[in-house]
């Protein structure tokens, strides 16, 4: 919350390749370190962007590289930009012959329904985790602790939940 009240201004160009490559390297190193001690790990990179990606070819290469790492990339488009050009991110795995690791969500389509935003943002992650581990022939470890109770969605509670609303001025500033 406090980040957005400090006058943070997002600006272009919108470049993803370097951060995706860096996250893939970190995820792979952590995975190798954890495997050496009998543990498992998987990472999720969340990118918030106010513009369409400008380094399309480099992003495709970075995603192909990252698809072999224990990593999912969730990209949330915020603001008023036209995000139609971002569709390639969700389809990149088909075009680039790689494991599906990307979920792009346009915030404005779900701004009034937090449950739908959460569902859409996290929708692919379970399958991506399973695809990674099974693709590497790594079977899940038995649970150390946990609950067999059902998981359920709770309604938004303004007293308990953090407000992640973003107000964008006419000048494009947050």
N, C-alpha and C. Protein backbone atom coordinates (compact mmCIF):
# COMPACT_ATOMS: atom_id res chain seq x y z
N UNK A 1 0.81 -1.20 0.00
CA UNK A 1 0.00 0.00 0.00
C UNK A 1 0.85 1.26 0.00
N UNK A 2 1.83 1.32 0.87
CA UNK A 2 2.62 2.53 1.01
C UNK A 2 3.42 2.86 -0.25
N UNK A 3 3.74 1.84 -1.05
CA UNK A 3 4.49 2.10 -2.28
C UNK A 3 3.70 3.02 -3.19
N UNK A 4 2.38 2.77 -3.31
CA UNK A 4 1.58 3.56 -4.22
C UNK A 4 1.28 4.95 -3.68
N UNK A 5 1.42 5.16 -2.40
CA UNK A 5 1.18 6.49 -1.84
C UNK A 5 2.45 7.34 -1.85
N UNK A 6 3.56 6.78 -2.32
CA UNK A 6 4.82 7.53 -2.34
C UNK A 6 5.02 8.28 -3.64
N UNK A 7 4.08 8.19 -4.55
CA UNK A 7 4.23 8.89 -5.82
C UNK A 7 4.95 8.06 -6.86
N UNK A 8 4.94 6.73 -6.74
CA UNK A 8 5.55 5.84 -7.71
C UNK A 8 4.94 6.11 -9.08
N UNK A 9 5.78 6.33 -10.07
CA UNK A 9 5.31 6.56 -11.42
C UNK A 9 5.89 5.47 -12.32
N UNK A 10 5.02 4.76 -13.00
CA UNK A 10 5.47 3.74 -13.94
C UNK A 10 5.71 4.42 -15.27
N UNK A 11 6.72 3.96 -16.00
CA UNK A 11 7.00 4.57 -17.29
C UNK A 11 7.61 3.54 -18.22
N UNK A 12 7.72 3.88 -19.48
CA UNK A 12 8.24 2.97 -20.49
C UNK A 12 9.71 3.19 -20.75
N UNK A 13 10.32 2.38 -21.55
CA UNK A 13 9.70 1.26 -22.25
C UNK A 13 9.42 0.10 -21.30
N UNK A 14 8.52 -0.78 -21.72
CA UNK A 14 8.14 -1.95 -20.93
C UNK A 14 8.98 -3.13 -21.38
N UNK A 15 9.98 -3.47 -20.58
CA UNK A 15 10.95 -4.50 -20.92
C UNK A 15 10.89 -5.60 -19.88
N UNK A 16 10.59 -6.83 -20.30
CA UNK A 16 10.45 -7.96 -19.38
C UNK A 16 11.61 -8.95 -19.42
N UNK A 17 12.31 -9.05 -20.54
CA UNK A 17 13.26 -10.13 -20.76
C UNK A 17 14.28 -10.27 -19.63
N UNK A 18 14.88 -9.18 -19.23
CA UNK A 18 15.95 -9.26 -18.22
C UNK A 18 15.44 -9.76 -16.88
N UNK A 19 14.29 -9.26 -16.44
CA UNK A 19 13.76 -9.69 -15.14
C UNK A 19 13.31 -11.16 -15.19
N UNK A 20 12.79 -11.61 -16.32
CA UNK A 20 12.39 -13.01 -16.46
C UNK A 20 13.62 -13.91 -16.40
N UNK A 21 14.67 -13.53 -17.11
CA UNK A 21 15.90 -14.33 -17.10
C UNK A 21 16.50 -14.38 -15.69
N UNK A 22 16.52 -13.25 -15.01
CA UNK A 22 17.06 -13.19 -13.65
C UNK A 22 16.25 -14.08 -12.71
N UNK A 23 14.92 -14.01 -12.80
CA UNK A 23 14.06 -14.83 -11.95
C UNK A 23 14.26 -16.32 -12.25
N UNK A 24 14.44 -16.67 -13.50
CA UNK A 24 14.65 -18.08 -13.87
C UNK A 24 15.96 -18.61 -13.29
N UNK A 25 17.00 -17.80 -13.35
CA UNK A 25 18.29 -18.21 -12.78
C UNK A 25 18.17 -18.42 -11.28
N UNK A 26 17.53 -17.46 -10.59
CA UNK A 26 17.35 -17.58 -9.13
C UNK A 26 16.49 -18.80 -8.77
N UNK A 27 15.43 -19.03 -9.52
CA UNK A 27 14.55 -20.17 -9.25
C UNK A 27 15.30 -21.49 -9.44
N UNK A 28 16.10 -21.56 -10.50
CA UNK A 28 16.86 -22.79 -10.78
C UNK A 28 17.91 -23.05 -9.70
N UNK A 29 18.59 -22.01 -9.28
CA UNK A 29 19.61 -22.17 -8.22
C UNK A 29 18.97 -22.62 -6.92
N UNK A 30 17.84 -22.01 -6.57
CA UNK A 30 17.16 -22.40 -5.33
C UNK A 30 16.68 -23.85 -5.43
N UNK A 31 16.13 -24.21 -6.57
CA UNK A 31 15.64 -25.58 -6.78
C UNK A 31 16.79 -26.58 -6.60
N UNK A 32 17.93 -26.30 -7.20
CA UNK A 32 19.09 -27.20 -7.09
C UNK A 32 19.58 -27.29 -5.64
N UNK A 33 19.62 -26.16 -4.96
CA UNK A 33 20.04 -26.14 -3.55
C UNK A 33 19.07 -26.94 -2.69
N UNK A 34 17.78 -26.75 -2.91
CA UNK A 34 16.77 -27.47 -2.14
C UNK A 34 16.79 -28.96 -2.44
N UNK A 35 16.96 -29.33 -3.71
CA UNK A 35 17.02 -30.74 -4.06
C UNK A 35 18.17 -31.45 -3.37
N UNK A 36 19.31 -30.74 -3.23
CA UNK A 36 20.48 -31.33 -2.57
C UNK A 36 20.21 -31.65 -1.11
N UNK A 37 19.22 -31.00 -0.51
CA UNK A 37 18.88 -31.24 0.89
C UNK A 37 17.56 -31.98 1.04
N UNK A 38 17.07 -32.56 -0.07
CA UNK A 38 15.85 -33.36 -0.01
C UNK A 38 14.57 -32.55 0.01
N UNK A 39 14.63 -31.31 -0.43
CA UNK A 39 13.45 -30.44 -0.46
C UNK A 39 13.07 -30.14 -1.90
N UNK A 40 11.93 -29.51 -2.07
CA UNK A 40 11.49 -29.08 -3.38
C UNK A 40 11.10 -27.61 -3.32
N UNK A 41 11.30 -26.90 -4.42
CA UNK A 41 10.89 -25.49 -4.46
C UNK A 41 10.40 -25.14 -5.86
N UNK A 42 9.57 -24.12 -5.90
CA UNK A 42 9.03 -23.61 -7.14
C UNK A 42 8.78 -22.12 -6.91
N UNK A 43 9.05 -21.29 -7.89
CA UNK A 43 8.93 -19.85 -7.72
C UNK A 43 7.88 -19.26 -8.66
N UNK A 44 7.33 -18.14 -8.22
CA UNK A 44 6.36 -17.40 -9.03
C UNK A 44 6.82 -15.96 -9.13
N UNK A 45 6.98 -15.48 -10.34
CA UNK A 45 7.34 -14.08 -10.60
C UNK A 45 6.08 -13.31 -10.92
N UNK A 46 5.82 -12.25 -10.17
CA UNK A 46 4.68 -11.38 -10.43
C UNK A 46 5.20 -10.08 -11.01
N UNK A 47 4.72 -9.73 -12.20
CA UNK A 47 5.09 -8.48 -12.87
C UNK A 47 3.84 -7.63 -12.99
N UNK A 48 3.89 -6.41 -12.47
CA UNK A 48 2.83 -5.43 -12.67
C UNK A 48 3.31 -4.48 -13.75
N UNK A 49 2.50 -4.26 -14.77
CA UNK A 49 2.92 -3.39 -15.87
C UNK A 49 1.79 -2.45 -16.25
N UNK A 50 2.18 -1.23 -16.63
CA UNK A 50 1.18 -0.27 -17.09
C UNK A 50 1.24 -0.09 -18.60
N UNK A 51 1.98 -0.95 -19.27
CA UNK A 51 2.08 -0.84 -20.72
C UNK A 51 2.36 -2.18 -21.36
N UNK A 52 2.10 -2.25 -22.66
CA UNK A 52 2.38 -3.46 -23.41
C UNK A 52 3.88 -3.64 -23.56
N UNK A 53 4.31 -4.89 -23.58
CA UNK A 53 5.73 -5.20 -23.67
C UNK A 53 6.31 -4.63 -24.97
N UNK A 54 7.50 -4.05 -24.87
CA UNK A 54 8.15 -3.47 -26.06
C UNK A 54 9.24 -4.38 -26.62
N UNK A 55 9.74 -5.30 -25.83
CA UNK A 55 10.80 -6.20 -26.29
C UNK A 55 10.23 -7.60 -26.56
N UNK A 56 9.31 -7.69 -27.51
CA UNK A 56 8.56 -8.93 -27.76
C UNK A 56 9.49 -10.10 -28.06
N UNK A 57 10.40 -9.95 -29.01
CA UNK A 57 11.28 -11.06 -29.38
C UNK A 57 12.18 -11.49 -28.23
N UNK A 58 12.75 -10.53 -27.52
CA UNK A 58 13.61 -10.86 -26.38
C UNK A 58 12.79 -11.52 -25.27
N UNK A 59 11.54 -11.10 -25.09
CA UNK A 59 10.68 -11.70 -24.07
C UNK A 59 10.37 -13.15 -24.44
N UNK A 60 10.11 -13.43 -25.69
CA UNK A 60 9.87 -14.81 -26.12
C UNK A 60 11.08 -15.69 -25.84
N UNK A 61 12.27 -15.19 -26.14
CA UNK A 61 13.50 -15.94 -25.87
C UNK A 61 13.66 -16.17 -24.37
N UNK A 62 13.42 -15.13 -23.58
CA UNK A 62 13.54 -15.26 -22.12
C UNK A 62 12.53 -16.26 -21.57
N UNK A 63 11.31 -16.25 -22.08
CA UNK A 63 10.29 -17.20 -21.62
C UNK A 63 10.66 -18.63 -21.99
N UNK A 64 11.19 -18.81 -23.19
CA UNK A 64 11.63 -20.16 -23.60
C UNK A 64 12.73 -20.64 -22.67
N UNK A 65 13.69 -19.78 -22.36
CA UNK A 65 14.76 -20.12 -21.42
C UNK A 65 14.18 -20.45 -20.04
N UNK A 66 13.27 -19.62 -19.57
CA UNK A 66 12.70 -19.77 -18.24
C UNK A 66 11.78 -20.99 -18.13
N UNK A 67 11.29 -21.49 -19.25
CA UNK A 67 10.35 -22.61 -19.19
C UNK A 67 10.99 -23.89 -18.67
N UNK A 68 12.30 -23.96 -18.65
CA UNK A 68 12.97 -25.14 -18.09
C UNK A 68 13.26 -24.97 -16.60
N UNK A 69 12.96 -23.80 -16.06
CA UNK A 69 13.19 -23.53 -14.63
C UNK A 69 11.89 -23.76 -13.85
N UNK A 70 12.01 -23.95 -12.54
CA UNK A 70 10.81 -24.10 -11.70
C UNK A 70 10.19 -22.74 -11.44
N UNK A 71 9.52 -22.20 -12.46
CA UNK A 71 9.06 -20.82 -12.42
C UNK A 71 7.75 -20.65 -13.19
N UNK A 72 6.85 -19.89 -12.61
CA UNK A 72 5.66 -19.39 -13.30
C UNK A 72 5.78 -17.88 -13.34
N UNK A 73 5.29 -17.26 -14.41
CA UNK A 73 5.33 -15.82 -14.56
C UNK A 73 3.89 -15.31 -14.67
N UNK A 74 3.48 -14.51 -13.70
CA UNK A 74 2.16 -13.91 -13.71
C UNK A 74 2.35 -12.43 -14.01
N UNK A 75 1.70 -11.96 -15.07
CA UNK A 75 1.82 -10.56 -15.48
C UNK A 75 0.44 -9.93 -15.38
N UNK A 76 0.35 -8.84 -14.62
CA UNK A 76 -0.91 -8.14 -14.45
C UNK A 76 -0.78 -6.77 -15.09
N UNK A 77 -1.62 -6.51 -16.08
CA UNK A 77 -1.65 -5.21 -16.74
C UNK A 77 -2.55 -4.27 -15.97
N UNK A 78 -1.99 -3.17 -15.49
CA UNK A 78 -2.77 -2.17 -14.75
C UNK A 78 -2.81 -0.88 -15.56
N UNK A 79 -3.85 -0.11 -15.38
CA UNK A 79 -3.94 1.17 -16.07
C UNK A 79 -4.83 1.10 -17.29
N UNK A 80 -4.71 2.13 -18.12
CA UNK A 80 -5.62 2.30 -19.25
C UNK A 80 -5.01 1.94 -20.60
N UNK A 81 -3.81 1.42 -20.62
CA UNK A 81 -3.17 1.07 -21.89
C UNK A 81 -3.95 -0.04 -22.60
N UNK A 82 -3.75 -0.15 -23.91
CA UNK A 82 -4.35 -1.22 -24.70
C UNK A 82 -3.46 -2.45 -24.55
N UNK A 83 -3.95 -3.46 -23.85
CA UNK A 83 -3.16 -4.65 -23.59
C UNK A 83 -3.42 -5.77 -24.58
N UNK A 84 -4.12 -5.49 -25.67
CA UNK A 84 -4.44 -6.54 -26.63
C UNK A 84 -3.17 -7.16 -27.23
N UNK A 85 -2.10 -6.40 -27.29
CA UNK A 85 -0.84 -6.90 -27.84
C UNK A 85 -0.17 -7.92 -26.91
N UNK A 86 -0.69 -8.03 -25.68
CA UNK A 86 -0.08 -8.92 -24.70
C UNK A 86 -0.59 -10.36 -24.84
N UNK A 87 -1.54 -10.60 -25.73
CA UNK A 87 -2.10 -11.94 -25.92
C UNK A 87 -1.02 -12.96 -26.25
N UNK A 88 0.05 -12.52 -26.91
CA UNK A 88 1.10 -13.45 -27.29
C UNK A 88 1.73 -14.12 -26.06
N UNK A 89 1.67 -13.47 -24.91
CA UNK A 89 2.26 -14.05 -23.70
C UNK A 89 1.55 -15.34 -23.30
N UNK A 90 0.22 -15.33 -23.36
CA UNK A 90 -0.53 -16.53 -23.01
C UNK A 90 -0.38 -17.63 -24.06
N UNK A 91 -0.07 -17.27 -25.29
CA UNK A 91 0.05 -18.25 -26.37
C UNK A 91 1.49 -18.62 -26.70
N UNK A 92 2.44 -18.01 -26.03
CA UNK A 92 3.86 -18.18 -26.35
C UNK A 92 4.29 -19.64 -26.29
N UNK A 93 3.77 -20.40 -25.34
CA UNK A 93 4.18 -21.80 -25.20
C UNK A 93 3.86 -22.62 -26.45
N UNK A 94 2.79 -22.26 -27.15
CA UNK A 94 2.43 -22.98 -28.37
C UNK A 94 3.34 -22.56 -29.52
N UNK A 95 3.62 -21.26 -29.61
CA UNK A 95 4.45 -20.73 -30.69
C UNK A 95 5.92 -21.06 -30.51
N UNK A 96 6.36 -21.14 -29.26
CA UNK A 96 7.79 -21.29 -28.96
C UNK A 96 8.18 -22.70 -28.55
N UNK A 97 7.25 -23.66 -28.60
CA UNK A 97 7.52 -25.05 -28.24
C UNK A 97 8.18 -25.14 -26.86
N UNK A 98 7.40 -24.75 -25.84
CA UNK A 98 7.92 -24.74 -24.48
C UNK A 98 6.79 -25.02 -23.50
N UNK A 99 7.17 -25.26 -22.26
CA UNK A 99 6.19 -25.46 -21.18
C UNK A 99 5.46 -24.15 -20.93
N UNK A 100 4.16 -24.22 -20.69
CA UNK A 100 3.36 -23.03 -20.41
C UNK A 100 3.71 -22.51 -19.02
N UNK A 101 4.26 -21.30 -18.94
CA UNK A 101 4.63 -20.74 -17.64
C UNK A 101 4.02 -19.36 -17.41
N UNK A 102 3.25 -18.85 -18.36
CA UNK A 102 2.79 -17.46 -18.29
C UNK A 102 1.28 -17.38 -18.10
N UNK A 103 0.87 -16.43 -17.27
CA UNK A 103 -0.54 -16.05 -17.15
C UNK A 103 -0.58 -14.53 -17.21
N UNK A 104 -1.26 -13.99 -18.22
CA UNK A 104 -1.45 -12.54 -18.31
C UNK A 104 -2.89 -12.22 -17.93
N UNK A 105 -3.05 -11.23 -17.06
CA UNK A 105 -4.36 -10.82 -16.61
C UNK A 105 -4.47 -9.30 -16.74
N UNK A 106 -5.53 -8.85 -17.35
CA UNK A 106 -5.79 -7.42 -17.46
C UNK A 106 -6.63 -6.99 -16.25
N UNK A 107 -6.03 -6.23 -15.36
CA UNK A 107 -6.65 -5.84 -14.10
C UNK A 107 -8.01 -5.20 -14.29
N UNK A 108 -8.14 -4.33 -15.28
CA UNK A 108 -9.38 -3.57 -15.45
C UNK A 108 -10.59 -4.47 -15.71
N UNK A 109 -10.38 -5.65 -16.27
CA UNK A 109 -11.49 -6.56 -16.53
C UNK A 109 -12.05 -7.18 -15.25
N UNK A 110 -11.27 -7.11 -14.17
CA UNK A 110 -11.67 -7.75 -12.92
C UNK A 110 -11.66 -6.78 -11.74
N UNK A 111 -11.53 -5.50 -12.00
CA UNK A 111 -11.35 -4.52 -10.92
C UNK A 111 -12.49 -4.52 -9.92
N UNK A 112 -13.68 -4.91 -10.34
CA UNK A 112 -14.83 -4.90 -9.43
C UNK A 112 -15.14 -6.27 -8.85
N UNK A 113 -14.31 -7.26 -9.14
CA UNK A 113 -14.55 -8.61 -8.63
C UNK A 113 -13.22 -9.22 -8.20
N UNK A 114 -12.88 -9.03 -6.95
CA UNK A 114 -11.58 -9.50 -6.44
C UNK A 114 -11.44 -11.01 -6.49
N UNK A 115 -12.53 -11.73 -6.26
CA UNK A 115 -12.46 -13.19 -6.33
C UNK A 115 -12.13 -13.64 -7.75
N UNK A 116 -12.77 -13.03 -8.74
CA UNK A 116 -12.49 -13.38 -10.13
C UNK A 116 -11.06 -13.00 -10.50
N UNK A 117 -10.58 -11.86 -10.01
CA UNK A 117 -9.19 -11.45 -10.26
C UNK A 117 -8.23 -12.47 -9.68
N UNK A 118 -8.47 -12.88 -8.46
CA UNK A 118 -7.61 -13.88 -7.82
C UNK A 118 -7.65 -15.19 -8.59
N UNK A 119 -8.83 -15.64 -8.93
CA UNK A 119 -8.99 -16.91 -9.66
C UNK A 119 -8.24 -16.86 -10.99
N UNK A 120 -8.44 -15.77 -11.75
CA UNK A 120 -7.81 -15.64 -13.06
C UNK A 120 -6.28 -15.55 -12.94
N UNK A 121 -5.82 -14.84 -11.93
CA UNK A 121 -4.38 -14.65 -11.73
C UNK A 121 -3.68 -15.96 -11.38
N UNK A 122 -4.33 -16.77 -10.56
CA UNK A 122 -3.70 -18.00 -10.07
C UNK A 122 -4.13 -19.26 -10.83
N UNK A 123 -4.99 -19.12 -11.80
CA UNK A 123 -5.62 -20.26 -12.46
C UNK A 123 -4.65 -21.31 -12.99
N UNK A 124 -3.61 -20.91 -13.66
CA UNK A 124 -2.71 -21.86 -14.33
C UNK A 124 -1.62 -22.42 -13.42
N UNK A 125 -1.38 -21.80 -12.29
CA UNK A 125 -0.21 -22.16 -11.48
C UNK A 125 -0.19 -23.62 -11.04
N UNK A 126 -1.27 -24.20 -10.54
CA UNK A 126 -1.18 -25.62 -10.15
C UNK A 126 -0.73 -26.54 -11.29
N UNK A 127 -1.29 -26.35 -12.47
CA UNK A 127 -0.89 -27.17 -13.62
C UNK A 127 0.56 -26.90 -14.01
N UNK A 128 1.00 -25.65 -13.90
CA UNK A 128 2.38 -25.32 -14.24
C UNK A 128 3.36 -25.99 -13.28
N UNK A 129 3.02 -26.03 -12.00
CA UNK A 129 3.87 -26.69 -11.01
C UNK A 129 3.95 -28.19 -11.32
N UNK A 130 2.81 -28.81 -11.52
CA UNK A 130 2.77 -30.25 -11.82
C UNK A 130 3.53 -30.54 -13.10
N UNK A 131 3.32 -29.74 -14.15
CA UNK A 131 4.02 -29.96 -15.43
C UNK A 131 5.53 -29.88 -15.25
N UNK A 132 6.00 -28.94 -14.43
CA UNK A 132 7.44 -28.83 -14.22
C UNK A 132 7.98 -30.09 -13.56
N UNK A 133 7.42 -30.46 -12.41
CA UNK A 133 7.96 -31.59 -11.65
C UNK A 133 7.80 -32.91 -12.40
N UNK A 134 6.66 -33.16 -13.01
CA UNK A 134 6.49 -34.39 -13.76
C UNK A 134 7.37 -34.41 -15.00
N UNK A 135 7.54 -33.26 -15.63
CA UNK A 135 8.41 -33.17 -16.80
C UNK A 135 9.86 -33.49 -16.47
N UNK A 136 10.25 -33.21 -15.24
CA UNK A 136 11.62 -33.52 -14.77
C UNK A 136 11.66 -34.87 -14.04
N UNK A 137 10.53 -35.58 -14.06
CA UNK A 137 10.37 -36.87 -13.39
C UNK A 137 10.68 -36.78 -11.89
N UNK A 138 10.21 -35.69 -11.29
CA UNK A 138 10.36 -35.49 -9.85
C UNK A 138 8.98 -35.66 -9.23
N UNK A 139 8.86 -36.65 -8.39
CA UNK A 139 7.58 -36.89 -7.73
C UNK A 139 7.47 -36.02 -6.48
N UNK A 140 6.26 -35.62 -6.14
CA UNK A 140 6.08 -34.76 -4.97
C UNK A 140 6.50 -35.48 -3.69
N UNK A 141 7.06 -34.72 -2.79
CA UNK A 141 7.40 -35.25 -1.47
C UNK A 141 6.13 -35.42 -0.66
N UNK A 142 6.12 -36.33 0.29
CA UNK A 142 4.93 -36.44 1.15
C UNK A 142 4.78 -35.17 1.97
N UNK A 143 3.55 -34.80 2.29
CA UNK A 143 3.37 -33.56 3.06
C UNK A 143 3.99 -33.67 4.45
N UNK A 144 4.61 -32.60 4.87
CA UNK A 144 5.21 -32.53 6.19
C UNK A 144 4.13 -32.18 7.20
N UNK A 145 3.26 -31.29 6.82
CA UNK A 145 2.13 -30.89 7.65
C UNK A 145 1.05 -30.40 6.70
N UNK A 146 -0.10 -30.26 7.19
CA UNK A 146 -1.17 -29.76 6.33
C UNK A 146 -2.52 -30.12 6.89
N UNK A 147 -3.50 -29.77 6.14
CA UNK A 147 -4.87 -29.99 6.56
C UNK A 147 -5.63 -30.62 5.42
N UNK A 148 -6.53 -31.51 5.75
CA UNK A 148 -7.36 -32.12 4.72
C UNK A 148 -8.67 -31.37 4.57
N UNK A 149 -8.78 -30.23 5.24
CA UNK A 149 -10.00 -29.44 5.12
C UNK A 149 -10.11 -28.82 3.73
N UNK A 150 -11.31 -28.55 3.34
CA UNK A 150 -11.56 -27.97 2.02
C UNK A 150 -11.03 -26.54 1.95
N UNK A 151 -10.56 -26.17 0.79
CA UNK A 151 -10.16 -24.80 0.53
C UNK A 151 -11.37 -24.07 -0.03
N UNK A 152 -11.63 -22.88 0.43
CA UNK A 152 -12.78 -22.14 -0.05
C UNK A 152 -12.41 -20.67 -0.21
N UNK A 153 -13.15 -20.00 -1.06
CA UNK A 153 -12.95 -18.57 -1.29
C UNK A 153 -13.77 -17.79 -0.28
N UNK A 154 -13.16 -16.78 0.28
CA UNK A 154 -13.88 -15.91 1.20
C UNK A 154 -14.27 -14.64 0.49
N UNK A 155 -15.38 -14.06 0.89
CA UNK A 155 -15.77 -12.77 0.35
C UNK A 155 -14.82 -11.70 0.84
N UNK A 156 -14.74 -10.63 0.10
CA UNK A 156 -13.89 -9.51 0.47
C UNK A 156 -14.37 -8.91 1.79
N UNK A 157 -13.43 -8.65 2.67
CA UNK A 157 -13.73 -8.06 3.97
C UNK A 157 -12.84 -6.83 4.13
N UNK A 158 -13.40 -5.65 4.06
CA UNK A 158 -12.61 -4.42 4.09
C UNK A 158 -11.85 -4.25 5.39
N UNK A 159 -12.27 -4.89 6.46
CA UNK A 159 -11.55 -4.79 7.73
C UNK A 159 -10.32 -5.69 7.77
N UNK A 160 -10.31 -6.76 6.99
CA UNK A 160 -9.22 -7.72 7.03
C UNK A 160 -8.32 -7.69 5.80
N UNK A 161 -8.86 -7.32 4.66
CA UNK A 161 -8.11 -7.40 3.41
C UNK A 161 -7.42 -6.08 3.08
N UNK A 162 -6.32 -6.19 2.37
CA UNK A 162 -5.57 -5.01 1.94
C UNK A 162 -6.19 -4.49 0.66
N UNK A 163 -6.36 -3.21 0.57
CA UNK A 163 -6.91 -2.58 -0.63
C UNK A 163 -5.77 -2.36 -1.62
N UNK A 164 -5.84 -3.02 -2.76
CA UNK A 164 -4.81 -2.89 -3.79
C UNK A 164 -5.29 -2.04 -4.96
N UNK A 165 -6.28 -1.22 -4.72
CA UNK A 165 -6.79 -0.34 -5.76
C UNK A 165 -5.71 0.63 -6.21
N UNK A 166 -5.72 0.95 -7.47
CA UNK A 166 -4.76 1.89 -8.03
C UNK A 166 -5.56 2.98 -8.72
N UNK A 167 -5.31 4.21 -8.35
CA UNK A 167 -5.97 5.34 -9.01
C UNK A 167 -5.00 5.94 -10.01
N UNK A 168 -5.41 6.03 -11.23
CA UNK A 168 -4.55 6.55 -12.28
C UNK A 168 -5.13 7.87 -12.75
N UNK A 169 -4.33 8.92 -12.64
CA UNK A 169 -4.77 10.24 -13.04
C UNK A 169 -4.81 10.41 -14.54
N UNK A 170 -5.38 11.50 -14.98
CA UNK A 170 -5.48 11.78 -16.41
C UNK A 170 -4.11 11.90 -17.06
N UNK A 171 -3.10 12.29 -16.26
CA UNK A 171 -1.75 12.43 -16.79
C UNK A 171 -0.99 11.10 -16.81
N UNK A 172 -1.68 10.01 -16.39
CA UNK A 172 -1.06 8.70 -16.39
C UNK A 172 -0.34 8.37 -15.11
N UNK A 173 -0.24 9.34 -14.21
CA UNK A 173 0.44 9.11 -12.93
C UNK A 173 -0.44 8.33 -11.98
N UNK A 174 0.22 7.62 -11.08
CA UNK A 174 -0.50 6.81 -10.09
C UNK A 174 -0.70 7.61 -8.83
